[in-house]
């Protein structure tokens, strides 16, 4: 089965959402950081979810969307000014948006996991967005439990001399990388472990998002001696898929050992890495299961690699810590 239409709509949706996010970041963040308030990320989150859901509702009205945000707070009288603000940013992408349609589009993202559904993180990497670092707009379509299409917009990511990149993958068709500003899509592949310059691993900036001491020990166990690259969001998946690193580790924090990851934090990145020739599993070597709920209830931790070193990583994880 061809997923050409799904791919084209996904690309158009995340590109439009990325424009909204970048505009919010440029115009709102300096003041907001000063006030130590999350208003810009709220506006960008809501705006990006509204834009993507509008594209999906128009093209695939029967498909549920499992997104991160809902418009309940935005509909309260106290939030009228904020809703107006969100609407103005959405109008940059969809000219006829109104406060009513914006809240409807946001709430279109309150669907449930089904036989076929989309999952969306309108801003993956909130803290990166706020501090001017990495964030992503991440969208994926899942059918019968398998991710079929993924689009990952990384407006702040630089590879080579291009900043602002879009990763796209369709199951069985490979993964590509193109500039968000427009240009040709180029096929991407994970890099070999023999590539000494890129034999390194990525992990979250936030220490609470993983177990950094264990992650460092596992990387060293498979021969990685370089310091980790720390970045926010699913841009880390993009780094592995495009050969900038060979490994991304997200092991449960000792503070929350039973934590289960949310599907929208991984789905788009997973298919991009797999279609670039890499491998993604949980800590036990099991594939991530996107068929059950908004969380990966049967998976603990996430291991993303170029494939070559994956079994070594899993073996190292079985060894006693310390």
Protein backbone atom coordinates (compact mmCIF):
# COMPACT_ATOMS: atom_id res chain seq x y z
CA UNK A 1 0.00 0.00 0.00
CA UNK A 2 1.21 3.50 -0.86
CA UNK A 3 1.31 6.18 1.82
CA UNK A 4 2.16 9.02 -0.55
CA UNK A 5 -0.78 11.20 0.48
CA UNK A 6 -0.08 10.63 4.18
CA UNK A 7 3.55 11.59 3.62
CA UNK A 8 2.70 14.77 1.71
CA UNK A 9 0.13 15.91 4.28
CA UNK A 10 2.52 15.13 7.16
CA UNK A 11 5.28 17.18 5.52
CA UNK A 12 2.99 20.14 4.84
CA UNK A 13 1.53 20.02 8.37
CA UNK A 14 4.80 19.96 10.31
CA UNK A 15 6.38 22.59 8.06
CA UNK A 16 3.44 24.94 8.69
CA UNK A 17 3.57 24.21 12.43
CA UNK A 18 7.33 24.86 12.50
CA UNK A 19 6.76 28.31 10.98
CA UNK A 20 4.28 29.10 13.76
CA UNK A 21 6.72 27.86 16.44
CA UNK A 22 9.65 29.84 15.08
CA UNK A 23 7.57 33.00 14.92
CA UNK A 24 6.45 32.54 18.54
CA UNK A 25 10.01 31.87 19.63
CA UNK A 26 11.36 34.93 17.83
CA UNK A 27 8.67 37.33 19.00
CA UNK A 28 7.79 36.12 22.51
CA UNK A 29 10.59 34.26 24.23
CA UNK A 30 12.91 37.04 25.48
CA UNK A 31 10.15 38.72 27.49
CA UNK A 32 8.78 35.40 28.75
CA UNK A 33 12.09 34.05 29.98
CA UNK A 34 12.50 37.29 31.93
CA UNK A 35 9.13 36.71 33.58
CA UNK A 36 9.94 33.03 34.07
CA UNK A 37 6.62 31.98 32.60
CA UNK A 38 5.84 29.35 30.00
CA UNK A 39 3.55 31.55 27.89
CA UNK A 40 5.51 31.27 24.65
CA UNK A 41 5.70 27.53 24.76
CA UNK A 42 2.00 27.37 25.58
CA UNK A 43 1.17 29.57 22.60
CA UNK A 44 3.47 27.60 20.33
CA UNK A 45 2.24 24.20 21.60
CA UNK A 46 -1.39 25.14 21.08
CA UNK A 47 -0.70 26.82 17.76
CA UNK A 48 1.31 23.93 16.37
CA UNK A 49 -1.27 21.35 17.46
CA UNK A 50 -4.10 23.40 15.92
CA UNK A 51 -2.26 23.68 12.59
CA UNK A 52 -1.30 20.00 12.32
CA UNK A 53 -4.74 18.78 13.39
CA UNK A 54 -6.45 21.04 10.85
CA UNK A 55 -4.35 19.49 8.06
CA UNK A 56 -5.08 15.97 9.30
CA UNK A 57 -8.81 16.55 9.89
CA UNK A 58 -9.22 17.90 6.36
CA UNK A 59 -7.27 15.10 4.67
CA UNK A 60 -8.11 12.11 6.88
CA UNK A 61 -11.28 12.96 8.85
CA UNK A 62 -11.75 9.39 10.10
CA UNK A 63 -8.25 9.11 11.62
CA UNK A 64 -7.98 9.83 15.37
CA UNK A 65 -5.08 12.02 16.45
CA UNK A 66 -3.37 11.30 19.78
CA UNK A 67 -1.77 14.63 20.65
CA UNK A 68 -0.22 16.12 23.76
CA UNK A 69 -2.42 19.18 24.25
CA UNK A 70 -6.09 19.93 24.78
CA UNK A 71 -7.97 23.23 24.68
CA UNK A 72 -9.85 22.96 28.00
CA UNK A 73 -7.88 25.75 29.71
CA UNK A 74 -7.82 27.86 26.58
CA UNK A 75 -11.64 27.94 26.47
CA UNK A 76 -11.99 29.54 29.93
CA UNK A 77 -12.82 33.26 30.11
CA UNK A 78 -9.57 33.93 31.96
CA UNK A 79 -7.62 32.68 28.93
CA UNK A 80 -9.44 34.78 26.32
CA UNK A 81 -6.39 36.94 25.63
CA UNK A 82 -4.13 33.91 25.33
CA UNK A 83 -6.59 32.24 22.92
CA UNK A 84 -6.59 35.40 20.82
CA UNK A 85 -2.79 35.31 20.79
CA UNK A 86 -2.75 31.65 19.69
CA UNK A 87 -5.29 32.42 16.97
CA UNK A 88 -3.18 35.24 15.57
CA UNK A 89 -0.16 32.96 15.28
CA UNK A 90 -2.24 30.19 13.67
CA UNK A 91 -3.53 32.73 11.13
CA UNK A 92 0.04 33.00 9.81
CA UNK A 93 -0.44 29.43 8.53
CA UNK A 94 -4.23 29.26 8.12
CA UNK A 95 -5.62 32.71 7.30
CA UNK A 96 -9.27 32.06 8.18
CA UNK A 97 -8.61 30.63 11.67
CA UNK A 98 -10.89 31.91 14.44
CA UNK A 99 -10.77 31.31 18.21
CA UNK A 100 -13.57 28.74 17.85
CA UNK A 101 -11.94 26.81 15.02
CA UNK A 102 -8.56 26.90 16.78
CA UNK A 103 -9.95 25.22 19.92
CA UNK A 104 -11.80 22.67 17.75
CA UNK A 105 -8.59 21.83 15.88
CA UNK A 106 -6.59 21.49 19.11
CA UNK A 107 -9.20 19.14 20.55
CA UNK A 108 -9.14 17.06 17.37
CA UNK A 109 -5.86 15.88 18.89
CA UNK A 110 -7.65 14.23 21.85
CA UNK A 111 -8.26 10.95 20.06
CA UNK A 112 -7.40 7.46 21.25
CA UNK A 113 -5.04 4.81 19.95
CA UNK A 114 -6.88 2.82 17.26
CA UNK A 115 -6.18 0.42 14.41
CA UNK A 116 -5.02 3.45 12.44
CA UNK A 117 -4.17 6.76 14.12
CA UNK A 118 -1.74 9.69 14.14
CA UNK A 119 0.32 10.78 17.12
CA UNK A 120 1.61 14.32 17.53
CA UNK A 121 3.97 16.20 19.79
CA UNK A 122 3.48 19.82 18.73
CA UNK A 123 6.61 20.90 20.60
CA UNK A 124 8.92 18.12 21.68
CA UNK A 125 11.65 19.63 23.85
CA UNK A 126 9.88 22.41 25.73
CA UNK A 127 12.94 23.53 27.66
CA UNK A 128 15.05 23.55 24.51
CA UNK A 129 12.42 25.70 22.83
CA UNK A 130 12.50 28.17 25.72
CA UNK A 131 16.26 28.46 25.95
CA UNK A 132 16.83 28.76 22.21
CA UNK A 133 18.13 25.21 21.70
CA UNK A 134 16.69 22.10 20.04
CA UNK A 135 13.02 21.26 19.77
CA UNK A 136 10.94 19.35 17.24
CA UNK A 137 7.46 19.10 15.76
CA UNK A 138 6.94 15.32 15.65
CA UNK A 139 4.14 13.57 13.74
CA UNK A 140 3.67 9.90 12.92
CA UNK A 141 0.94 7.64 11.53
CA UNK A 142 0.49 4.18 13.04
CA UNK A 143 -1.48 1.37 11.41
CA UNK A 144 -2.04 -2.07 12.97
CA UNK A 145 0.56 -1.21 15.61
CA UNK A 146 3.30 -0.38 13.08
CA UNK A 147 4.55 3.13 12.40
CA UNK A 148 4.03 3.74 8.67
CA UNK A 149 4.87 7.43 8.20
CA UNK A 150 6.94 9.90 10.22
CA UNK A 151 7.77 13.58 9.82
CA UNK A 152 10.13 15.30 12.23
CA UNK A 153 10.73 19.04 11.87
CA UNK A 154 13.81 20.32 13.75
CA UNK A 155 13.90 24.10 13.20
CA UNK A 156 17.08 24.70 15.23
CA UNK A 157 19.11 21.66 14.16
CA UNK A 158 22.22 22.28 12.06
CA UNK A 159 23.88 19.63 9.94
CA UNK A 160 26.62 20.80 7.60
CA UNK A 161 25.79 24.37 6.63
CA UNK A 162 22.00 24.02 6.89
CA UNK A 163 19.97 25.02 9.94
CA UNK A 164 16.33 23.99 10.08
CA UNK A 165 15.83 20.41 8.92
CA UNK A 166 13.00 18.03 8.15
CA UNK A 167 13.35 14.26 8.51
CA UNK A 168 10.76 12.12 6.70
CA UNK A 169 10.30 8.36 6.53
CA UNK A 170 7.77 5.95 5.05
CA UNK A 171 7.88 2.27 6.01
CA UNK A 172 9.85 0.35 3.39
CA UNK A 173 10.90 3.47 1.47
CA UNK A 174 13.88 4.74 3.46
CA UNK A 175 14.43 8.03 5.27
CA UNK A 176 15.22 11.45 3.85
CA UNK A 177 16.45 14.80 5.07
CA UNK A 178 15.59 18.16 3.55
CA UNK A 179 15.93 21.84 4.55
CA UNK A 180 12.76 23.16 6.20
CA UNK A 181 13.12 26.27 4.06
CA UNK A 182 12.74 24.16 0.93
CA UNK A 183 15.03 22.08 -1.24
CA UNK A 184 15.65 18.55 -2.38
CA UNK A 185 15.11 15.58 -0.09
CA UNK A 186 18.32 13.57 0.30
CA UNK A 187 18.39 9.93 1.44
CA UNK A 188 20.06 9.43 4.82
CA UNK A 189 21.74 6.43 6.41
CA UNK A 190 23.10 5.65 9.85
CA UNK A 191 26.88 5.65 10.05
CA UNK A 192 29.20 2.70 10.57
CA UNK A 193 30.86 2.13 13.93
CA UNK A 194 34.14 2.45 12.03
CA UNK A 195 33.37 6.16 11.54
CA UNK A 196 35.57 7.36 14.40
CA UNK A 197 34.52 11.01 14.12
CA UNK A 198 30.85 10.16 14.75
CA UNK A 199 31.34 7.21 17.12
CA UNK A 200 29.53 9.01 19.92
CA UNK A 201 26.20 8.99 21.68
CA UNK A 202 23.41 11.47 22.33
CA UNK A 203 21.27 11.89 25.43
CA UNK A 204 18.85 14.42 26.89
CA UNK A 205 20.04 17.76 28.23
CA UNK A 206 17.79 17.29 31.26
CA UNK A 207 19.33 14.87 33.76
CA UNK A 208 15.84 13.94 34.99
CA UNK A 209 14.99 12.51 31.56
CA UNK A 210 17.29 9.53 32.00
CA UNK A 211 20.02 7.88 34.01
CA UNK A 212 23.08 9.74 32.80
CA UNK A 213 25.63 7.79 34.85
CA UNK A 214 24.31 4.46 33.58
CA UNK A 215 24.06 5.83 30.05
CA UNK A 216 27.72 6.89 30.19
CA UNK A 217 28.73 3.46 31.52
CA UNK A 218 26.83 1.66 28.74
CA UNK A 219 28.36 3.87 26.06
CA UNK A 220 31.83 3.16 27.44
CA UNK A 221 31.07 -0.57 27.55
CA UNK A 222 30.54 -0.56 23.79
CA UNK A 223 33.73 1.42 23.18
CA UNK A 224 32.44 5.00 22.95
CA UNK A 225 34.99 7.24 24.65
CA UNK A 226 33.79 10.66 23.46
CA UNK A 227 31.63 12.78 25.74
CA UNK A 228 27.91 12.62 24.99
CA UNK A 229 26.17 15.14 22.78
CA UNK A 230 23.30 16.51 24.85
CA UNK A 231 20.27 17.84 23.05
CA UNK A 232 16.58 18.26 23.64
CA UNK A 233 13.78 16.57 21.71
CA UNK A 234 13.62 13.92 19.00
CA UNK A 235 16.40 15.80 17.24
CA UNK A 236 18.45 13.03 18.93
CA UNK A 237 16.79 10.47 16.66
CA UNK A 238 17.69 12.71 13.73
CA UNK A 239 21.32 12.76 14.85
CA UNK A 240 21.50 8.95 14.79
CA UNK A 241 19.54 8.60 11.54
CA UNK A 242 21.77 11.06 9.71
CA UNK A 243 25.02 9.56 10.98
CA UNK A 244 25.98 12.31 13.44
CA UNK A 245 26.03 9.74 16.27
CA UNK A 246 25.75 5.95 16.61
CA UNK A 247 23.69 5.69 19.79
CA UNK A 248 20.89 7.42 21.72
CA UNK A 249 20.13 6.14 25.21
CA UNK A 250 17.07 6.97 27.28
CA UNK A 251 17.20 4.79 30.38
CA UNK A 252 14.73 5.29 33.24
CA UNK A 253 15.80 7.79 35.87
CA UNK A 254 16.57 6.20 39.27
CA UNK A 255 13.92 8.60 40.64
CA UNK A 256 11.20 7.00 38.51
CA UNK A 257 12.37 3.49 37.56
CA UNK A 258 8.91 2.40 36.37
CA UNK A 259 8.35 5.39 34.09
CA UNK A 260 6.77 4.59 30.73
CA UNK A 261 7.48 6.84 27.77
CA UNK A 262 4.73 8.64 25.86
CA UNK A 263 4.17 7.53 22.28
CA UNK A 264 4.39 11.03 20.79
CA UNK A 265 7.89 11.48 22.23
CA UNK A 266 9.23 8.64 20.07
CA UNK A 267 7.04 7.52 17.15
CA UNK A 268 8.29 9.88 14.44
CA UNK A 269 11.93 9.42 15.47
CA UNK A 270 11.65 5.63 15.58
CA UNK A 271 10.59 5.24 11.95
CA UNK A 272 13.18 7.77 10.76
CA UNK A 273 16.00 5.80 12.44
CA UNK A 274 14.69 2.40 11.35
CA UNK A 275 14.27 3.50 7.75
CA UNK A 276 17.80 4.97 7.84
CA UNK A 277 19.09 1.48 8.68
CA UNK A 278 19.23 1.75 12.46
CA UNK A 279 17.49 -0.16 15.22
CA UNK A 280 15.21 0.87 18.08
CA UNK A 281 14.16 -1.31 21.03
CA UNK A 282 13.50 -1.07 24.73
CA UNK A 283 16.10 -2.11 27.32
CA UNK A 284 15.12 -5.76 26.92
CA UNK A 285 15.55 -5.78 23.16
CA UNK A 286 11.81 -5.68 22.47
CA UNK A 287 10.33 -3.43 19.76
CA UNK A 288 8.42 -0.41 21.05
CA UNK A 289 4.69 -1.21 21.08
CA UNK A 290 2.55 1.62 19.71
CA UNK A 291 -0.66 -0.44 19.58
CA UNK A 292 -1.98 -0.09 23.13
CA UNK A 293 -2.21 3.39 24.64
CA UNK A 294 -0.72 6.86 24.82
CA UNK A 295 2.19 5.37 26.79
CA UNK A 296 4.55 2.56 25.87
CA UNK A 297 3.11 0.44 28.68
CA UNK A 298 5.03 -2.74 27.83
CA UNK A 299 8.41 -1.09 27.22
CA UNK A 300 11.00 0.19 29.68
CA UNK A 301 13.63 2.61 28.43
CA UNK A 302 14.59 3.26 24.81
CA UNK A 303 17.76 2.21 22.94
CA UNK A 304 18.42 3.75 19.53
CA UNK A 305 21.48 2.74 17.53
CA UNK A 306 23.09 2.37 14.13
CA UNK A 307 22.21 -1.34 14.44
CA UNK A 308 25.80 -2.62 14.48
CA UNK A 309 26.32 -1.99 18.19
CA UNK A 310 22.77 -2.72 19.36
CA UNK A 311 23.32 -6.25 20.66
CA UNK A 312 26.45 -5.09 22.52
CA UNK A 313 24.40 -2.37 24.20
CA UNK A 314 21.72 -4.84 25.23
CA UNK A 315 24.38 -7.19 26.60
CA UNK A 316 25.98 -4.35 28.58
CA UNK A 317 22.58 -3.53 30.08
CA UNK A 318 22.35 -7.04 31.52
CA UNK A 319 25.54 -6.56 33.53
CA UNK A 320 25.22 -5.47 37.17
CA UNK A 321 25.47 -1.72 37.69
CA UNK A 322 28.54 -0.39 39.52
